Amino acid sequence: MLKEILVGKLEVAPERVTPEATVKDAELDSLSIVELSIILEKDFAVTITDDELLAAPTIGDMAKLLEERHAAERREG
């Protein structure tokens, strides 16, 4: 799901989106991270702040955070 968003909506090159890639490796800037946070909330009802996303060391860590938050919000909702 995260890779689809990064590639499809934020136009990150697919080869840059790997679990080991950092935000810098994926060429994501702070504006892209804010946009990602908004997309996650609007399209998937998952609340993750841009600060939380930036704190994730890798794209794989972001994906884990997304999965955890998505599961938690489904249980609550």
PDB file of N, CA and C in Angstrom:
ATOM      1  N   MET A   1       0.830  -1.183   0.000  1.00  0.00           N
ATOM      2  CA  MET A   1       0.000   0.000   0.000  1.00  0.00           C
ATOM      3  C   MET A   1       0.882   1.257   0.000  1.00  0.00           C
ATOM      4  N   LEU A   2       1.900   1.293   0.849  1.00  0.00           N
ATOM      5  CA  LEU A   2       2.771   2.460   0.923  1.00  0.00           C
ATOM      6  C   LEU A   2       3.509   2.686  -0.395  1.00  0.00           C
ATOM      7  N   LYS A   3       4.012   1.609  -0.984  1.00  0.00           N
ATOM      8  CA  LYS A   3       4.731   1.752  -2.256  1.00  0.00           C
ATOM      9  C   LYS A   3       3.803   2.298  -3.332  1.00  0.00           C
ATOM     10  N   GLU A   4       2.563   1.813  -3.368  1.00  0.00           N
ATOM     11  CA  GLU A   4       1.604   2.303  -4.354  1.00  0.00           C
ATOM     12  C   GLU A   4       1.374   3.805  -4.207  1.00  0.00           C
ATOM     13  N   ILE A   5       1.281   4.276  -2.969  1.00  0.00           N
ATOM     14  CA  ILE A   5       1.076   5.700  -2.719  1.00  0.00           C
ATOM     15  C   ILE A   5       2.312   6.487  -3.143  1.00  0.00           C
ATOM     16  N   LEU A   6       3.479   6.015  -2.718  1.00  0.00           N
ATOM     17  CA  LEU A   6       4.709   6.729  -3.032  1.00  0.00           C
ATOM     18  C   LEU A   6       4.939   6.828  -4.538  1.00  0.00           C
ATOM     19  N   VAL A   7       4.694   5.741  -5.239  1.00  0.00           N
ATOM     20  CA  VAL A   7       4.923   5.721  -6.687  1.00  0.00           C
ATOM     21  C   VAL A   7       3.778   6.412  -7.430  1.00  0.00           C
ATOM     22  N   GLY A   8       2.545   6.063  -7.085  1.00  0.00           N
ATOM     23  CA  GLY A   8       1.388   6.561  -7.823  1.00  0.00           C
ATOM     24  C   GLY A   8       1.014   7.998  -7.537  1.00  0.00           C
ATOM     25  N   LYS A   9       1.043   8.385  -6.281  1.00  0.00           N
ATOM     26  CA  LYS A   9       0.568   9.724  -5.923  1.00  0.00           C
ATOM     27  C   LYS A   9       1.695  10.725  -5.717  1.00  0.00           C
ATOM     28  N   LEU A  10       2.840  10.257  -5.217  1.00  0.00           N
ATOM     29  CA  LEU A  10       3.945  11.176  -4.952  1.00  0.00           C
ATOM     30  C   LEU A  10       5.039  11.099  -6.015  1.00  0.00           C
ATOM     31  N   GLU A  11       4.822  10.229  -7.006  1.00  0.00           N
ATOM     32  CA  GLU A  11       5.695  10.112  -8.174  1.00  0.00           C
ATOM     33  C   GLU A  11       7.151   9.806  -7.835  1.00  0.00           C
ATOM     34  N   VAL A  12       7.341   8.935  -6.844  1.00  0.00           N
ATOM     35  CA  VAL A  12       8.683   8.452  -6.517  1.00  0.00           C
ATOM     36  C   VAL A  12       9.009   7.325  -7.503  1.00  0.00           C
ATOM     37  N   ALA A  13      10.229   7.294  -8.002  1.00  0.00           N
ATOM     38  CA  ALA A  13      10.631   6.232  -8.926  1.00  0.00           C
ATOM     39  C   ALA A  13      10.521   4.881  -8.208  1.00  0.00           C
ATOM     40  N   PRO A  14       9.868   3.898  -8.827  1.00  0.00           N
ATOM     41  CA  PRO A  14       9.640   2.603  -8.170  1.00  0.00           C
ATOM     42  C   PRO A  14      10.912   1.949  -7.651  1.00  0.00           C
ATOM     43  N   GLU A  15      12.009   2.091  -8.368  1.00  0.00           N
ATOM     44  CA  GLU A  15      13.256   1.448  -7.931  1.00  0.00           C
ATOM     45  C   GLU A  15      13.824   2.098  -6.664  1.00  0.00           C
ATOM     46  N   ARG A  16      13.356   3.272  -6.321  1.00  0.00           N
ATOM     47  CA  ARG A  16      13.815   3.959  -5.108  1.00  0.00           C
ATOM     48  C   ARG A  16      13.043   3.520  -3.864  1.00  0.00           C
ATOM     49  N   VAL A  17      11.911   2.843  -4.061  1.00  0.00           N
ATOM     50  CA  VAL A  17      11.061   2.437  -2.943  1.00  0.00           C
ATOM     51  C   VAL A  17      11.373   0.994  -2.573  1.00  0.00           C
ATOM     52  N   THR A  18      12.318   0.845  -1.652  1.00  0.00           N
ATOM     53  CA  THR A  18      12.672  -0.477  -1.137  1.00  0.00           C
ATOM     54  C   THR A  18      12.572  -0.415   0.382  1.00  0.00           C
ATOM     55  N   PRO A  19      12.424  -1.562   1.031  1.00  0.00           N
ATOM     56  CA  PRO A  19      12.310  -1.547   2.492  1.00  0.00           C
ATOM     57  C   PRO A  19      13.512  -0.904   3.193  1.00  0.00           C
ATOM     58  N   GLU A  20      14.697  -1.006   2.580  1.00  0.00           N
ATOM     59  CA  GLU A  20      15.917  -0.482   3.204  1.00  0.00           C
ATOM     60  C   GLU A  20      16.156   0.994   2.894  1.00  0.00           C
ATOM     61  N   ALA A  21      15.404   1.547   1.946  1.00  0.00           N
ATOM     62  CA  ALA A  21      15.624   2.930   1.521  1.00  0.00           C
ATOM     63  C   ALA A  21      15.255   3.912   2.626  1.00  0.00           C
ATOM     64  N   THR A  22      16.057   4.947   2.751  1.00  0.00           N
ATOM     65  CA  THR A  22      15.740   6.029   3.676  1.00  0.00           C
ATOM     66  C   THR A  22      14.872   7.055   2.949  1.00  0.00           C
ATOM     67  N   VAL A  23      14.375   8.016   3.699  1.00  0.00           N
ATOM     68  CA  VAL A  23      13.599   9.094   3.092  1.00  0.00           C
ATOM     69  C   VAL A  23      14.452   9.801   2.035  1.00  0.00           C
ATOM     70  N   LYS A  24      15.718  10.011   2.369  1.00  0.00           N
ATOM     71  CA  LYS A  24      16.634  10.665   1.428  1.00  0.00           C
ATOM     72  C   LYS A  24      16.844   9.800   0.181  1.00  0.00           C
ATOM     73  N   ASP A  25      17.026   8.478   0.368  1.00  0.00           N
ATOM     74  CA  ASP A  25      17.201   7.574  -0.773  1.00  0.00           C
ATOM     75  C   ASP A  25      16.009   7.642  -1.728  1.00  0.00           C
ATOM     76  N   ALA A  26      14.812   7.768  -1.152  1.00  0.00           N
ATOM     77  CA  ALA A  26      13.590   7.816  -1.958  1.00  0.00           C
ATOM     78  C   ALA A  26      13.319   9.214  -2.501  1.00  0.00           C
ATOM     79  N   GLU A  27      14.219  10.137  -2.175  1.00  0.00           N
ATOM     80  CA  GLU A  27      14.112  11.518  -2.619  1.00  0.00           C
ATOM     81  C   GLU A  27      12.812  12.179  -2.163  1.00  0.00           C
ATOM     82  N   LEU A  28      12.437  11.889  -0.917  1.00  0.00           N
ATOM     83  CA  LEU A  28      11.261  12.518  -0.319  1.00  0.00           C
ATOM     84  C   LEU A  28      11.720  13.721   0.494  1.00  0.00           C
ATOM     85  N   ASP A  29      11.088  14.860   0.261  1.00  0.00           N
ATOM     86  CA  ASP A  29      11.401  16.028   1.066  1.00  0.00           C
ATOM     87  C   ASP A  29      10.303  16.213   2.121  1.00  0.00           C
ATOM     88  N   SER A  30      10.443  17.225   2.949  1.00  0.00           N
ATOM     89  CA  SER A  30       9.477  17.413   4.038  1.00  0.00           C
ATOM     90  C   SER A  30       8.069  17.668   3.504  1.00  0.00           C
ATOM     91  N   LEU A  31       7.950  18.351   2.376  1.00  0.00           N
ATOM     92  CA  LEU A  31       6.637  18.588   1.782  1.00  0.00           C
ATOM     93  C   LEU A  31       6.002  17.268   1.328  1.00  0.00           C
ATOM     94  N   SER A  32       6.797  16.384   0.752  1.00  0.00           N
ATOM     95  CA  SER A  32       6.293  15.066   0.327  1.00  0.00           C
ATOM     96  C   SER A  32       5.797  14.267   1.525  1.00  0.00           C
ATOM     97  N   ILE A  33       6.508  14.374   2.634  1.00  0.00           N
ATOM     98  CA  ILE A  33       6.116  13.643   3.844  1.00  0.00           C
ATOM     99  C   ILE A  33       4.800  14.179   4.394  1.00  0.00           C
ATOM    100  N   VAL A  34       4.638  15.495   4.376  1.00  0.00           N
ATOM    101  CA  VAL A  34       3.368  16.097   4.811  1.00  0.00           C
ATOM    102  C   VAL A  34       2.246  15.624   3.897  1.00  0.00           C
ATOM    103  N   GLU A  35       2.508  15.619   2.599  1.00  0.00           N
ATOM    104  CA  GLU A  35       1.514  15.159   1.630  1.00  0.00           C
ATOM    105  C   GLU A  35       1.153  13.696   1.871  1.00  0.00           C
ATOM    106  N   LEU A  36       2.152  12.868   2.160  1.00  0.00           N
ATOM    107  CA  LEU A  36       1.915  11.456   2.459  1.00  0.00           C
ATOM    108  C   LEU A  36       1.018  11.317   3.686  1.00  0.00           C
ATOM    109  N   SER A  37       1.290  12.086   4.719  1.00  0.00           N
ATOM    110  CA  SER A  37       0.480  12.051   5.937  1.00  0.00           C
ATOM    111  C   SER A  37      -0.979  12.386   5.631  1.00  0.00           C
ATOM    112  N   ILE A  38      -1.188  13.393   4.794  1.00  0.00           N
ATOM    113  CA  ILE A  38      -2.547  13.802   4.425  1.00  0.00           C
ATOM    114  C   ILE A  38      -3.239  12.722   3.603  1.00  0.00           C
ATOM    115  N   ILE A  39      -2.535  12.135   2.664  1.00  0.00           N
ATOM    116  CA  ILE A  39      -3.098  11.062   1.826  1.00  0.00           C
ATOM    117  C   ILE A  39      -3.517   9.886   2.703  1.00  0.00           C
ATOM    118  N   LEU A  40      -2.663   9.492   3.644  1.00  0.00           N
ATOM    119  CA  LEU A  40      -2.977   8.363   4.518  1.00  0.00           C
ATOM    120  C   LEU A  40      -4.251   8.629   5.320  1.00  0.00           C
ATOM    121  N   GLU A  41      -4.382   9.863   5.800  1.00  0.00           N
ATOM    122  CA  GLU A  41      -5.568  10.189   6.593  1.00  0.00           C
ATOM    123  C   GLU A  41      -6.823  10.270   5.731  1.00  0.00           C
ATOM    124  N   LYS A  42      -6.738  10.955   4.591  1.00  0.00           N
ATOM    125  CA  LYS A  42      -7.910  11.134   3.731  1.00  0.00           C
ATOM    126  C   LYS A  42      -8.354   9.844   3.060  1.00  0.00           C
ATOM    127  N   ASP A  43      -7.408   9.117   2.479  1.00  0.00           N
ATOM    128  CA  ASP A  43      -7.756   7.957   1.655  1.00  0.00           C
ATOM    129  C   ASP A  43      -7.888   6.658   2.452  1.00  0.00           C
ATOM    130  N   PHE A  44      -7.175   6.564   3.575  1.00  0.00           N
ATOM    131  CA  PHE A  44      -7.139   5.299   4.300  1.00  0.00           C
ATOM    132  C   PHE A  44      -7.563   5.420   5.755  1.00  0.00           C
ATOM    133  N   ALA A  45      -7.950   6.615   6.197  1.00  0.00           N
ATOM    134  CA  ALA A  45      -8.377   6.860   7.573  1.00  0.00           C
ATOM    135  C   ALA A  45      -7.333   6.403   8.590  1.00  0.00           C
ATOM    136  N   VAL A  46      -6.069   6.623   8.250  1.00  0.00           N
ATOM    137  CA  VAL A  46      -4.957   6.274   9.141  1.00  0.00           C
ATOM    138  C   VAL A  46      -4.253   7.575   9.511  1.00  0.00           C
ATOM    139  N   THR A  47      -4.166   7.838  10.808  1.00  0.00           N
ATOM    140  CA  THR A  47      -3.543   9.067  11.271  1.00  0.00           C
ATOM    141  C   THR A  47      -2.100   8.808  11.684  1.00  0.00           C
ATOM    142  N   ILE A  48      -1.191   9.340  10.887  1.00  0.00           N
ATOM    143  CA  ILE A  48       0.243   9.301  11.185  1.00  0.00           C
ATOM    144  C   ILE A  48       0.773  10.694  10.871  1.00  0.00           C
ATOM    145  N   THR A  49       1.390  11.319  11.839  1.00  0.00           N
ATOM    146  CA  THR A  49       1.888  12.674  11.605  1.00  0.00           C
ATOM    147  C   THR A  49       3.131  12.652  10.719  1.00  0.00           C
ATOM    148  N   ASP A  50       3.419  13.792  10.124  1.00  0.00           N
ATOM    149  CA  ASP A  50       4.619  13.889   9.311  1.00  0.00           C
ATOM    150  C   ASP A  50       5.864  13.685  10.169  1.00  0.00           C
ATOM    151  N   ASP A  51       5.825  14.129  11.428  1.00  0.00           N
ATOM    152  CA  ASP A  51       6.958  13.908  12.331  1.00  0.00           C
ATOM    153  C   ASP A  51       7.194  12.424  12.580  1.00  0.00           C
ATOM    154  N   GLU A  52       6.103  11.660  12.740  1.00  0.00           N
ATOM    155  CA  GLU A  52       6.238  10.213  12.939  1.00  0.00           C
ATOM    156  C   GLU A  52       6.834   9.557  11.695  1.00  0.00           C
ATOM    157  N   LEU A  53       6.385   9.991  10.528  1.00  0.00           N
ATOM    158  CA  LEU A  53       6.921   9.439   9.285  1.00  0.00           C
ATOM    159  C   LEU A  53       8.400   9.775   9.127  1.00  0.00           C
ATOM    160  N   LEU A  54       8.771  11.012   9.437  1.00  0.00           N
ATOM    161  CA  LEU A  54      10.172  11.413   9.326  1.00  0.00           C
ATOM    162  C   LEU A  54      11.059  10.696  10.336  1.00  0.00           C
ATOM    163  N   ALA A  55      10.485  10.295  11.461  1.00  0.00           N
ATOM    164  CA  ALA A  55      11.259   9.597  12.487  1.00  0.00           C
ATOM    165  C   ALA A  55      11.550   8.145  12.102  1.00  0.00           C
ATOM    166  N   ALA A  56      10.814   7.616  11.132  1.00  0.00           N
ATOM    167  CA  ALA A  56      11.046   6.244  10.681  1.00  0.00           C
ATOM    168  C   ALA A  56      12.348   6.217   9.876  1.00  0.00           C
ATOM    169  N   PRO A  57      13.302   5.369  10.271  1.00  0.00           N
ATOM    170  CA  PRO A  57      14.602   5.345   9.594  1.00  0.00           C
ATOM    171  C   PRO A  57      14.549   4.911   8.129  1.00  0.00           C
ATOM    172  N   THR A  58      13.616   4.023   7.800  1.00  0.00           N
ATOM    173  CA  THR A  58      13.547   3.504   6.424  1.00  0.00           C
ATOM    174  C   THR A  58      12.100   3.441   5.938  1.00  0.00           C
ATOM    175  N   ILE A  59      11.945   3.219   4.645  1.00  0.00           N
ATOM    176  CA  ILE A  59      10.616   3.032   4.059  1.00  0.00           C
ATOM    177  C   ILE A  59       9.955   1.801   4.689  1.00  0.00           C
ATOM    178  N   GLY A  60      10.741   0.764   4.953  1.00  0.00           N
ATOM    179  CA  GLY A  60      10.209  -0.432   5.610  1.00  0.00           C
ATOM    180  C   GLY A  60       9.654  -0.111   6.985  1.00  0.00           C
ATOM    181  N   ASP A  61      10.337   0.759   7.726  1.00  0.00           N
ATOM    182  CA  ASP A  61       9.850   1.162   9.047  1.00  0.00           C
ATOM    183  C   ASP A  61       8.564   1.978   8.929  1.00  0.00           C
ATOM    184  N   MET A  62       8.490   2.807   7.886  1.00  0.00           N
ATOM    185  CA  MET A  62       7.252   3.553   7.637  1.00  0.00           C
ATOM    186  C   MET A  62       6.102   2.588   7.364  1.00  0.00           C
ATOM    187  N   ALA A  63       6.387   1.566   6.572  1.00  0.00           N
ATOM    188  CA  ALA A  63       5.356   0.578   6.232  1.00  0.00           C
ATOM    189  C   ALA A  63       4.878  -0.152   7.478  1.00  0.00           C
ATOM    190  N   LYS A  64       5.813  -0.516   8.375  1.00  0.00           N
ATOM    191  CA  LYS A  64       5.426  -1.171   9.631  1.00  0.00           C
ATOM    192  C   LYS A  64       4.546  -0.257  10.467  1.00  0.00           C
ATOM    193  N   LEU A  65       4.921   1.006  10.561  1.00  0.00           N
ATOM    194  CA  LEU A  65       4.134   1.981  11.305  1.00  0.00           C
ATOM    195  C   LEU A  65       2.735   2.092  10.706  1.00  0.00           C
ATOM    196  N   LEU A  66       2.659   2.155   9.395  1.00  0.00           N
ATOM    197  CA  LEU A  66       1.375   2.230   8.708  1.00  0.00           C
ATOM    198  C   LEU A  66       0.525   1.000   9.000  1.00  0.00           C
ATOM    199  N   GLU A  67       1.119  -0.185   8.918  1.00  0.00           N
ATOM    200  CA  GLU A  67       0.387  -1.423   9.198  1.00  0.00           C
ATOM    201  C   GLU A  67      -0.124  -1.451  10.629  1.00  0.00           C
ATOM    202  N   GLU A  68       0.742  -1.088  11.576  1.00  0.00           N
ATOM    203  CA  GLU A  68       0.349  -1.086  12.992  1.00  0.00           C
ATOM    204  C   GLU A  68      -0.789  -0.103  13.243  1.00  0.00           C
ATOM    205  N   ARG A  69      -0.654   1.099  12.715  1.00  0.00           N
ATOM    206  CA  ARG A  69      -1.668   2.134  12.927  1.00  0.00           C
ATOM    207  C   ARG A  69      -2.968   1.760  12.256  1.00  0.00           C
ATOM    208  N   HIS A  70      -2.894   1.198  11.049  1.00  0.00           N
ATOM    209  CA  HIS A  70      -4.092   0.782  10.320  1.00  0.00           C
ATOM    210  C   HIS A  70      -4.830  -0.307  11.096  1.00  0.00           C
ATOM    211  N   ALA A  71      -4.101  -1.274  11.608  1.00  0.00           N
ATOM    212  CA  ALA A  71      -4.721  -2.357  12.388  1.00  0.00           C
ATOM    213  C   ALA A  71      -5.353  -1.810  13.661  1.00  0.00           C
ATOM    214  N   ALA A  72      -4.647  -0.913  14.348  1.00  0.00           N
ATOM    215  CA  ALA A  72      -5.159  -0.339  15.600  1.00  0.00           C
ATOM    216  C   ALA A  72      -6.421   0.478  15.353  1.00  0.00           C
ATOM    217  N   GLU A  73      -6.426   1.247  14.289  1.00  0.00           N
ATOM    218  CA  GLU A  73      -7.602   2.091  14.011  1.00  0.00           C
ATOM    219  C   GLU A  73      -8.785   1.271  13.539  1.00  0.00           C
ATOM    220  N   ARG A  74      -8.528   0.143  12.896  1.00  0.00           N
ATOM    221  CA  ARG A  74      -9.640  -0.757  12.515  1.00  0.00           C
ATOM    222  C   ARG A  74     -10.264  -1.361  13.753  1.00  0.00           C
ATOM    223  N   ARG A  75      -9.415  -1.747  14.729  1.00  0.00           N
ATOM    224  CA  ARG A  75      -9.952  -2.321  15.973  1.00  0.00           C
ATOM    225  C   ARG A  75     -10.783  -1.304  16.734  1.00  0.00           C
ATOM    226  N   GLU A  76     -10.335  -0.062  16.759  1.00  0.00           N
ATOM    227  CA  GLU A  76     -11.022   0.988  17.506  1.00  0.00           C
ATOM    228  C   GLU A  76     -12.303   1.429  16.789  1.00  0.00           C
ATOM    229  N   GLY A  77     -12.247   1.454  15.459  1.00  0.00           N
ATOM    230  CA  GLY A  77     -13.347   2.010  14.676  1.00  0.00           C
ATOM    231  C   GLY A  77     -14.454   1.066  14.481  1.00  0.00           C
TER     232      GLY A  77
END
